[in-house]
Amino acid sequence: MSPVEFVGPPPKQRNTKHSRIANSLRQHPKEWGVVRTPATSVRAASAAQAIRSARLPAYEPAGSYEAVARTVVQKNGDVEHRVYARYVGGEQ
């Protein structure tokens, strides 16, 4: 008996954090929402790029979602890095 079971490609996960975010954005087309607040502006920019380019299957096809990273200074002086995204159309 082989120590490896060959069963084909793994199934796509349908209820991931990103699929829930993408579904929520589709429910409110063209409305901006804050989808993430990473620790750094670099991580925020990377997350926004991943959404725009559909690097994650939840945001396919590429171009269906717009995303931007913004750094916001709160009234108390705290800095928060945000990823804003919105669904702008594409295949359903």
PDB file of N, CA and C in Angstrom:
ATOM      1  N   MET A   1       0.841  -1.186   0.000  1.00  0.00           N
ATOM      2  CA  MET A   1       0.000   0.000   0.000  1.00  0.00           C
ATOM      3  C   MET A   1       0.885   1.248   0.000  1.00  0.00           C
ATOM      4  N   SER A   2       0.516   2.220  -0.795  1.00  0.00           N
ATOM      5  CA  SER A   2       1.281   3.467  -0.914  1.00  0.00           C
ATOM      6  C   SER A   2       1.044   4.368   0.298  1.00  0.00           C
ATOM      7  N   PRO A   3       2.076   5.086   0.781  1.00  0.00           N
ATOM      8  CA  PRO A   3       1.885   5.998   1.908  1.00  0.00           C
ATOM      9  C   PRO A   3       1.146   7.286   1.513  1.00  0.00           C
ATOM     10  N   VAL A   4       0.907   7.441   0.216  1.00  0.00           N
ATOM     11  CA  VAL A   4       0.214   8.630  -0.286  1.00  0.00           C
ATOM     12  C   VAL A   4      -1.063   8.207  -0.976  1.00  0.00           C
ATOM     13  N   GLU A   5      -2.141   8.888  -0.703  1.00  0.00           N
ATOM     14  CA  GLU A   5      -3.408   8.620  -1.390  1.00  0.00           C
ATOM     15  C   GLU A   5      -3.587   9.674  -2.483  1.00  0.00           C
ATOM     16  N   PHE A   6      -3.605   9.238  -3.727  1.00  0.00           N
ATOM     17  CA  PHE A   6      -3.748  10.148  -4.857  1.00  0.00           C
ATOM     18  C   PHE A   6      -5.221  10.239  -5.228  1.00  0.00           C
ATOM     19  N   VAL A   7      -5.834  11.408  -4.959  1.00  0.00           N
ATOM     20  CA  VAL A   7      -7.280  11.546  -5.142  1.00  0.00           C
ATOM     21  C   VAL A   7      -7.662  12.720  -6.038  1.00  0.00           C
ATOM     22  N   GLY A   8      -6.687  13.367  -6.642  1.00  0.00           N
ATOM     23  CA  GLY A   8      -7.005  14.494  -7.510  1.00  0.00           C
ATOM     24  C   GLY A   8      -6.817  15.820  -6.796  1.00  0.00           C
ATOM     25  N   PRO A   9      -7.219  16.911  -7.431  1.00  0.00           N
ATOM     26  CA  PRO A   9      -7.008  18.228  -6.821  1.00  0.00           C
ATOM     27  C   PRO A   9      -7.897  18.429  -5.599  1.00  0.00           C
ATOM     28  N   PRO A  10      -7.422  19.230  -4.632  1.00  0.00           N
ATOM     29  CA  PRO A  10      -8.252  19.491  -3.455  1.00  0.00           C
ATOM     30  C   PRO A  10      -9.462  20.334  -3.837  1.00  0.00           C
ATOM     31  N   PRO A  11     -10.579  20.132  -3.157  1.00  0.00           N
ATOM     32  CA  PRO A  11     -11.768  20.931  -3.482  1.00  0.00           C
ATOM     33  C   PRO A  11     -11.565  22.390  -3.066  1.00  0.00           C
ATOM     34  N   LYS A  12     -12.218  23.276  -3.804  1.00  0.00           N
ATOM     35  CA  LYS A  12     -12.167  24.689  -3.434  1.00  0.00           C
ATOM     36  C   LYS A  12     -13.020  24.898  -2.194  1.00  0.00           C
ATOM     37  N   GLN A  13     -12.504  25.687  -1.285  1.00  0.00           N
ATOM     38  CA  GLN A  13     -13.268  25.998  -0.088  1.00  0.00           C
ATOM     39  C   GLN A  13     -14.254  27.111  -0.413  1.00  0.00           C
ATOM     40  N   ARG A  14     -15.483  26.950  -0.019  1.00  0.00           N
ATOM     41  CA  ARG A  14     -16.523  27.910  -0.361  1.00  0.00           C
ATOM     42  C   ARG A  14     -16.851  28.864   0.781  1.00  0.00           C
ATOM     43  N   ASN A  15     -16.476  28.514   2.001  1.00  0.00           N
ATOM     44  CA  ASN A  15     -16.874  29.341   3.137  1.00  0.00           C
ATOM     45  C   ASN A  15     -15.646  29.926   3.840  1.00  0.00           C
ATOM     46  N   THR A  16     -14.700  30.409   3.061  1.00  0.00           N
ATOM     47  CA  THR A  16     -13.517  31.021   3.645  1.00  0.00           C
ATOM     48  C   THR A  16     -13.838  32.448   4.064  1.00  0.00           C
ATOM     49  N   LYS A  17     -12.938  33.040   4.816  1.00  0.00           N
ATOM     50  CA  LYS A  17     -13.095  34.437   5.221  1.00  0.00           C
ATOM     51  C   LYS A  17     -13.257  35.325   3.980  1.00  0.00           C
ATOM     52  N   HIS A  18     -12.452  35.070   2.955  1.00  0.00           N
ATOM     53  CA  HIS A  18     -12.514  35.902   1.754  1.00  0.00           C
ATOM     54  C   HIS A  18     -13.792  35.676   0.952  1.00  0.00           C
ATOM     55  N   SER A  19     -14.289  34.454   0.923  1.00  0.00           N
ATOM     56  CA  SER A  19     -15.546  34.231   0.194  1.00  0.00           C
ATOM     57  C   SER A  19     -16.699  34.935   0.907  1.00  0.00           C
ATOM     58  N   ARG A  20     -16.662  34.974   2.242  1.00  0.00           N
ATOM     59  CA  ARG A  20     -17.708  35.701   2.986  1.00  0.00           C
ATOM     60  C   ARG A  20     -17.610  37.201   2.733  1.00  0.00           C
ATOM     61  N   ILE A  21     -16.386  37.731   2.680  1.00  0.00           N
ATOM     62  CA  ILE A  21     -16.199  39.160   2.386  1.00  0.00           C
ATOM     63  C   ILE A  21     -16.696  39.463   0.975  1.00  0.00           C
ATOM     64  N   ALA A  22     -16.282  38.654   0.002  1.00  0.00           N
ATOM     65  CA  ALA A  22     -16.679  38.876  -1.394  1.00  0.00           C
ATOM     66  C   ALA A  22     -18.197  38.807  -1.554  1.00  0.00           C
ATOM     67  N   ASN A  23     -18.830  37.838  -0.902  1.00  0.00           N
ATOM     68  CA  ASN A  23     -20.287  37.720  -0.981  1.00  0.00           C
ATOM     69  C   ASN A  23     -20.979  38.937  -0.375  1.00  0.00           C
ATOM     70  N   SER A  24     -20.464  39.399   0.741  1.00  0.00           N
ATOM     71  CA  SER A  24     -21.042  40.575   1.389  1.00  0.00           C
ATOM     72  C   SER A  24     -20.927  41.806   0.485  1.00  0.00           C
ATOM     73  N   LEU A  25     -19.785  41.974  -0.155  1.00  0.00           N
ATOM     74  CA  LEU A  25     -19.605  43.111  -1.068  1.00  0.00           C
ATOM     75  C   LEU A  25     -20.551  43.006  -2.268  1.00  0.00           C
ATOM     76  N   ARG A  26     -20.764  41.792  -2.765  1.00  0.00           N
ATOM     77  CA  ARG A  26     -21.699  41.611  -3.893  1.00  0.00           C
ATOM     78  C   ARG A  26     -23.125  41.970  -3.505  1.00  0.00           C
ATOM     79  N   GLN A  27     -23.453  41.817  -2.227  1.00  0.00           N
ATOM     80  CA  GLN A  27     -24.798  42.169  -1.762  1.00  0.00           C
ATOM     81  C   GLN A  27     -25.030  43.682  -1.754  1.00  0.00           C
ATOM     82  N   HIS A  28     -23.945  44.448  -1.789  1.00  0.00           N
ATOM     83  CA  HIS A  28     -24.022  45.918  -1.769  1.00  0.00           C
ATOM     84  C   HIS A  28     -23.158  46.485  -2.888  1.00  0.00           C
ATOM     85  N   PRO A  29     -23.540  46.230  -4.151  1.00  0.00           N
ATOM     86  CA  PRO A  29     -22.696  46.643  -5.267  1.00  0.00           C
ATOM     87  C   PRO A  29     -22.410  48.146  -5.247  1.00  0.00           C
ATOM     88  N   LYS A  30     -21.181  48.463  -5.586  1.00  0.00           N
ATOM     89  CA  LYS A  30     -20.676  49.836  -5.717  1.00  0.00           C
ATOM     90  C   LYS A  30     -20.597  50.597  -4.400  1.00  0.00           C
ATOM     91  N   GLU A  31     -20.841  49.941  -3.266  1.00  0.00           N
ATOM     92  CA  GLU A  31     -20.695  50.582  -1.960  1.00  0.00           C
ATOM     93  C   GLU A  31     -19.345  50.185  -1.371  1.00  0.00           C
ATOM     94  N   TRP A  32     -18.583  51.167  -0.929  1.00  0.00           N
ATOM     95  CA  TRP A  32     -17.286  50.893  -0.309  1.00  0.00           C
ATOM     96  C   TRP A  32     -17.484  50.331   1.089  1.00  0.00           C
ATOM     97  N   GLY A  33     -16.700  49.359   1.441  1.00  0.00           N
ATOM     98  CA  GLY A  33     -16.702  48.798   2.787  1.00  0.00           C
ATOM     99  C   GLY A  33     -15.276  48.583   3.265  1.00  0.00           C
ATOM    100  N   VAL A  34     -15.049  48.711   4.547  1.00  0.00           N
ATOM    101  CA  VAL A  34     -13.741  48.402   5.126  1.00  0.00           C
ATOM    102  C   VAL A  34     -13.704  46.896   5.350  1.00  0.00           C
ATOM    103  N   VAL A  35     -12.804  46.224   4.645  1.00  0.00           N
ATOM    104  CA  VAL A  35     -12.763  44.766   4.712  1.00  0.00           C
ATOM    105  C   VAL A  35     -11.608  44.239   5.553  1.00  0.00           C
ATOM    106  N   ARG A  36     -10.674  45.122   5.895  1.00  0.00           N
ATOM    107  CA  ARG A  36      -9.523  44.678   6.674  1.00  0.00           C
ATOM    108  C   ARG A  36      -8.834  45.874   7.296  1.00  0.00           C
ATOM    109  N   THR A  37      -8.225  45.682   8.457  1.00  0.00           N
ATOM    110  CA  THR A  37      -7.417  46.718   9.104  1.00  0.00           C
ATOM    111  C   THR A  37      -6.082  46.095   9.521  1.00  0.00           C
ATOM    112  N   PRO A  38      -5.174  45.926   8.558  1.00  0.00           N
ATOM    113  CA  PRO A  38      -3.886  45.308   8.861  1.00  0.00           C
ATOM    114  C   PRO A  38      -2.993  46.217   9.711  1.00  0.00           C
ATOM    115  N   ALA A  39      -1.923  45.641  10.202  1.00  0.00           N
ATOM    116  CA  ALA A  39      -1.023  46.355  11.109  1.00  0.00           C
ATOM    117  C   ALA A  39      -0.176  47.414  10.414  1.00  0.00           C
ATOM    118  N   THR A  40       0.087  47.253   9.112  1.00  0.00           N
ATOM    119  CA  THR A  40       0.959  48.206   8.417  1.00  0.00           C
ATOM    120  C   THR A  40       0.335  48.655   7.102  1.00  0.00           C
ATOM    121  N   SER A  41       0.833  49.781   6.601  1.00  0.00           N
ATOM    122  CA  SER A  41       0.352  50.285   5.312  1.00  0.00           C
ATOM    123  C   SER A  41       0.793  49.369   4.175  1.00  0.00           C
ATOM    124  N   VAL A  42       1.935  48.727   4.320  1.00  0.00           N
ATOM    125  CA  VAL A  42       2.415  47.795   3.290  1.00  0.00           C
ATOM    126  C   VAL A  42       1.476  46.599   3.173  1.00  0.00           C
ATOM    127  N   ARG A  43       1.054  46.061   4.300  1.00  0.00           N
ATOM    128  CA  ARG A  43       0.110  44.934   4.266  1.00  0.00           C
ATOM    129  C   ARG A  43      -1.246  45.363   3.714  1.00  0.00           C
ATOM    130  N   ALA A  44      -1.661  46.570   4.026  1.00  0.00           N
ATOM    131  CA  ALA A  44      -2.925  47.076   3.491  1.00  0.00           C
ATOM    132  C   ALA A  44      -2.844  47.190   1.974  1.00  0.00           C
ATOM    133  N   ALA A  45      -1.753  47.733   1.469  1.00  0.00           N
ATOM    134  CA  ALA A  45      -1.575  47.876   0.019  1.00  0.00           C
ATOM    135  C   ALA A  45      -1.530  46.513  -0.665  1.00  0.00           C
ATOM    136  N   SER A  46      -0.859  45.549  -0.040  1.00  0.00           N
ATOM    137  CA  SER A  46      -0.774  44.202  -0.601  1.00  0.00           C
ATOM    138  C   SER A  46      -2.146  43.538  -0.650  1.00  0.00           C
ATOM    139  N   ALA A  47      -2.926  43.700   0.412  1.00  0.00           N
ATOM    140  CA  ALA A  47      -4.275  43.117   0.442  1.00  0.00           C
ATOM    141  C   ALA A  47      -5.164  43.740  -0.625  1.00  0.00           C
ATOM    142  N   ALA A  48      -5.073  45.050  -0.793  1.00  0.00           N
ATOM    143  CA  ALA A  48      -5.877  45.732  -1.815  1.00  0.00           C
ATOM    144  C   ALA A  48      -5.504  45.224  -3.209  1.00  0.00           C
ATOM    145  N   GLN A  49      -4.221  45.062  -3.461  1.00  0.00           N
ATOM    146  CA  GLN A  49      -3.764  44.547  -4.757  1.00  0.00           C
ATOM    147  C   GLN A  49      -4.259  43.120  -4.978  1.00  0.00           C
ATOM    148  N   ALA A  50      -4.256  42.300  -3.941  1.00  0.00           N
ATOM    149  CA  ALA A  50      -4.721  40.911  -4.065  1.00  0.00           C
ATOM    150  C   ALA A  50      -6.196  40.868  -4.437  1.00  0.00           C
ATOM    151  N   ILE A  51      -6.979  41.785  -3.895  1.00  0.00           N
ATOM    152  CA  ILE A  51      -8.412  41.834  -4.230  1.00  0.00           C
ATOM    153  C   ILE A  51      -8.593  42.295  -5.669  1.00  0.00           C
ATOM    154  N   ARG A  52      -7.923  43.383  -6.055  1.00  0.00           N
ATOM    155  CA  ARG A  52      -8.070  43.915  -7.419  1.00  0.00           C
ATOM    156  C   ARG A  52      -7.679  42.903  -8.485  1.00  0.00           C
ATOM    157  N   SER A  53      -6.592  42.178  -8.238  1.00  0.00           N
ATOM    158  CA  SER A  53      -6.072  41.240  -9.242  1.00  0.00           C
ATOM    159  C   SER A  53      -6.688  39.855  -9.137  1.00  0.00           C
ATOM    160  N   ALA A  54      -7.588  39.666  -8.174  1.00  0.00           N
ATOM    161  CA  ALA A  54      -8.234  38.367  -7.946  1.00  0.00           C
ATOM    162  C   ALA A  54      -7.206  37.274  -7.694  1.00  0.00           C
ATOM    163  N   ARG A  55      -6.154  37.612  -6.938  1.00  0.00           N
ATOM    164  CA  ARG A  55      -5.157  36.612  -6.568  1.00  0.00           C
ATOM    165  C   ARG A  55      -5.803  35.498  -5.753  1.00  0.00           C
ATOM    166  N   LEU A  56      -6.884  35.835  -5.061  1.00  0.00           N
ATOM    167  CA  LEU A  56      -7.664  34.852  -4.326  1.00  0.00           C
ATOM    168  C   LEU A  56      -8.935  34.558  -5.117  1.00  0.00           C
ATOM    169  N   PRO A  57      -9.310  33.286  -5.271  1.00  0.00           N
ATOM    170  CA  PRO A  57     -10.463  32.926  -6.102  1.00  0.00           C
ATOM    171  C   PRO A  57     -11.773  33.614  -5.715  1.00  0.00           C
ATOM    172  N   ALA A  58     -11.933  33.993  -4.470  1.00  0.00           N
ATOM    173  CA  ALA A  58     -13.180  34.630  -4.027  1.00  0.00           C
ATOM    174  C   ALA A  58     -13.463  35.917  -4.783  1.00  0.00           C
ATOM    175  N   TYR A  59     -12.407  36.569  -5.302  1.00  0.00           N
ATOM    176  CA  TYR A  59     -12.577  37.873  -5.953  1.00  0.00           C
ATOM    177  C   TYR A  59     -12.532  37.779  -7.481  1.00  0.00           C
ATOM    178  N   GLU A  60     -12.666  36.573  -8.014  1.00  0.00           N
ATOM    179  CA  GLU A  60     -12.664  36.386  -9.473  1.00  0.00           C
ATOM    180  C   GLU A  60     -13.980  36.830 -10.076  1.00  0.00           C
ATOM    181  N   PRO A  61     -13.948  37.221 -11.344  1.00  0.00           N
ATOM    182  CA  PRO A  61     -12.782  37.438 -12.188  1.00  0.00           C
ATOM    183  C   PRO A  61     -12.105  38.760 -11.843  1.00  0.00           C
ATOM    184  N   ALA A  62     -10.840  38.871 -12.198  1.00  0.00           N
ATOM    185  CA  ALA A  62     -10.083  40.092 -11.933  1.00  0.00           C
ATOM    186  C   ALA A  62     -10.836  41.288 -12.505  1.00  0.00           C
ATOM    187  N   GLY A  63     -10.876  42.355 -11.739  1.00  0.00           N
ATOM    188  CA  GLY A  63     -11.583  43.559 -12.173  1.00  0.00           C
ATOM    189  C   GLY A  63     -13.000  43.654 -11.645  1.00  0.00           C
ATOM    190  N   SER A  64     -13.496  42.603 -11.006  1.00  0.00           N
ATOM    191  CA  SER A  64     -14.855  42.627 -10.463  1.00  0.00           C
ATOM    192  C   SER A  64     -14.943  43.428  -9.166  1.00  0.00           C
ATOM    193  N   TYR A  65     -13.787  43.620  -8.531  1.00  0.00           N
ATOM    194  CA  TYR A  65     -13.738  44.353  -7.271  1.00  0.00           C
ATOM    195  C   TYR A  65     -12.708  45.462  -7.379  1.00  0.00           C
ATOM    196  N   GLU A  66     -13.034  46.615  -6.829  1.00  0.00           N
ATOM    197  CA  GLU A  66     -12.062  47.688  -6.668  1.00  0.00           C
ATOM    198  C   GLU A  66     -11.612  47.645  -5.215  1.00  0.00           C
ATOM    199  N   ALA A  67     -10.363  47.994  -4.972  1.00  0.00           N
ATOM    200  CA  ALA A  67      -9.848  48.009  -3.604  1.00  0.00           C
ATOM    201  C   ALA A  67      -8.737  49.049  -3.500  1.00  0.00           C
ATOM    202  N   VAL A  68      -8.701  49.733  -2.383  1.00  0.00           N
ATOM    203  CA  VAL A  68      -7.664  50.725  -2.102  1.00  0.00           C
ATOM    204  C   VAL A  68      -7.235  50.605  -0.650  1.00  0.00           C
ATOM    205  N   ALA A  69      -6.017  51.036  -0.386  1.00  0.00           N
ATOM    206  CA  ALA A  69      -5.496  51.072   0.980  1.00  0.00           C
ATOM    207  C   ALA A  69      -5.409  52.532   1.413  1.00  0.00           C
ATOM    208  N   ARG A  70      -5.839  52.803   2.621  1.00  0.00           N
ATOM    209  CA  ARG A  70      -5.782  54.161   3.164  1.00  0.00           C
ATOM    210  C   ARG A  70      -5.314  54.107   4.608  1.00  0.00           C
ATOM    211  N   THR A  71      -4.550  55.115   5.002  1.00  0.00           N
ATOM    212  CA  THR A  71      -4.147  55.273   6.392  1.00  0.00           C
ATOM    213  C   THR A  71      -4.966  56.410   6.967  1.00  0.00           C
ATOM    214  N   VAL A  72      -5.644  56.134   8.063  1.00  0.00           N
ATOM    215  CA  VAL A  72      -6.568  57.098   8.675  1.00  0.00           C
ATOM    216  C   VAL A  72      -6.058  57.434  10.074  1.00  0.00           C
ATOM    217  N   VAL A  73      -6.038  58.728  10.377  1.00  0.00           N
ATOM    218  CA  VAL A  73      -5.669  59.164  11.717  1.00  0.00           C
ATOM    219  C   VAL A  73      -6.957  59.432  12.484  1.00  0.00           C
ATOM    220  N   GLN A  74      -7.130  58.715  13.570  1.00  0.00           N
ATOM    221  CA  GLN A  74      -8.330  58.851  14.404  1.00  0.00           C
ATOM    222  C   GLN A  74      -8.284  60.179  15.175  1.00  0.00           C
ATOM    223  N   LYS A  75      -9.403  60.577  15.735  1.00  0.00           N
ATOM    224  CA  LYS A  75      -9.462  61.808  16.526  1.00  0.00           C
ATOM    225  C   LYS A  75      -8.501  61.780  17.709  1.00  0.00           C
ATOM    226  N   ASN A  76      -8.281  60.593  18.268  1.00  0.00           N
ATOM    227  CA  ASN A  76      -7.384  60.481  19.420  1.00  0.00           C
ATOM    228  C   ASN A  76      -5.916  60.366  19.011  1.00  0.00           C
ATOM    229  N   GLY A  77      -5.639  60.443  17.700  1.00  0.00           N
ATOM    230  CA  GLY A  77      -4.268  60.386  17.204  1.00  0.00           C
ATOM    231  C   GLY A  77      -3.801  59.008  16.790  1.00  0.00           C
ATOM    232  N   ASP A  78      -4.583  57.974  17.093  1.00  0.00           N
ATOM    233  CA  ASP A  78      -4.213  56.625  16.674  1.00  0.00           C
ATOM    234  C   ASP A  78      -4.262  56.525  15.148  1.00  0.00           C
ATOM    235  N   VAL A  79      -3.358  55.741  14.598  1.00  0.00           N
ATOM    236  CA  VAL A  79      -3.302  55.534  13.154  1.00  0.00           C
ATOM    237  C   VAL A  79      -3.858  54.150  12.843  1.00  0.00           C
ATOM    238  N   GLU A  80      -4.719  54.092  11.830  1.00  0.00           N
ATOM    239  CA  GLU A  80      -5.303  52.815  11.416  1.00  0.00           C
ATOM    240  C   GLU A  80      -5.124  52.657   9.917  1.00  0.00           C
ATOM    241  N   HIS A  81      -4.635  51.501   9.518  1.00  0.00           N
ATOM    242  CA  HIS A  81      -4.469  51.178   8.093  1.00  0.00           C
ATOM    243  C   HIS A  81      -5.686  50.370   7.673  1.00  0.00           C
ATOM    244  N   ARG A  82      -6.356  50.824   6.629  1.00  0.00           N
ATOM    245  CA  ARG A  82      -7.602  50.186   6.205  1.00  0.00           C
ATOM    246  C   ARG A  82      -7.531  49.742   4.754  1.00  0.00           C
ATOM    247  N   VAL A  83      -8.241  48.676   4.469  1.00  0.00           N
ATOM    248  CA  VAL A  83      -8.450  48.235   3.095  1.00  0.00           C
ATOM    249  C   VAL A  83      -9.931  48.431   2.805  1.00  0.00           C
ATOM    250  N   TYR A  84     -10.216  49.286   1.836  1.00  0.00           N
ATOM    251  CA  TYR A  84     -11.588  49.521   1.388  1.00  0.00           C
ATOM    252  C   TYR A  84     -11.785  48.744   0.091  1.00  0.00           C
ATOM    253  N   ALA A  85     -12.948  48.152  -0.084  1.00  0.00           N
ATOM    254  CA  ALA A  85     -13.232  47.416  -1.312  1.00  0.00           C
ATOM    255  C   ALA A  85     -14.695  47.564  -1.668  1.00  0.00           C
ATOM    256  N   ARG A  86     -14.983  47.343  -2.954  1.00  0.00           N
ATOM    257  CA  ARG A  86     -16.369  47.336  -3.417  1.00  0.00           C
ATOM    258  C   ARG A  86     -16.480  46.458  -4.646  1.00  0.00           C
ATOM    259  N   TYR A  87     -17.656  45.897  -4.810  1.00  0.00           N
ATOM    260  CA  TYR A  87     -17.975  45.064  -5.970  1.00  0.00           C
ATOM    261  C   TYR A  87     -18.476  45.975  -7.078  1.00  0.00           C
ATOM    262  N   VAL A  88     -17.868  45.849  -8.261  1.00  0.00           N
ATOM    263  CA  VAL A  88     -18.249  46.714  -9.379  1.00  0.00           C
ATOM    264  C   VAL A  88     -18.784  45.933 -10.578  1.00  0.00           C
ATOM    265  N   GLY A  89     -18.972  44.647 -10.407  1.00  0.00           N
ATOM    266  CA  GLY A  89     -19.565  43.868 -11.491  1.00  0.00           C
ATOM    267  C   GLY A  89     -18.650  42.772 -11.975  1.00  0.00           C
ATOM    268  N   GLY A  90     -19.175  41.974 -12.827  1.00  0.00           N
ATOM    269  CA  GLY A  90     -18.436  40.846 -13.363  1.00  0.00           C
ATOM    270  C   GLY A  90     -19.327  39.625 -13.357  1.00  0.00           C
ATOM    271  N   GLU A  91     -18.739  38.518 -13.767  1.00  0.00           N
ATOM    272  CA  GLU A  91     -19.497  37.266 -13.826  1.00  0.00           C
ATOM    273  C   GLU A  91     -19.952  36.864 -12.439  1.00  0.00           C
ATOM    274  N   GLN A  92     -21.150  36.339 -12.337  1.00  0.00           N
ATOM    275  CA  GLN A  92     -21.681  35.878 -11.050  1.00  0.00           C
ATOM    276  C   GLN A  92     -21.656  34.382 -10.979  1.00  0.00           C
TER     277      GLN A  92
END
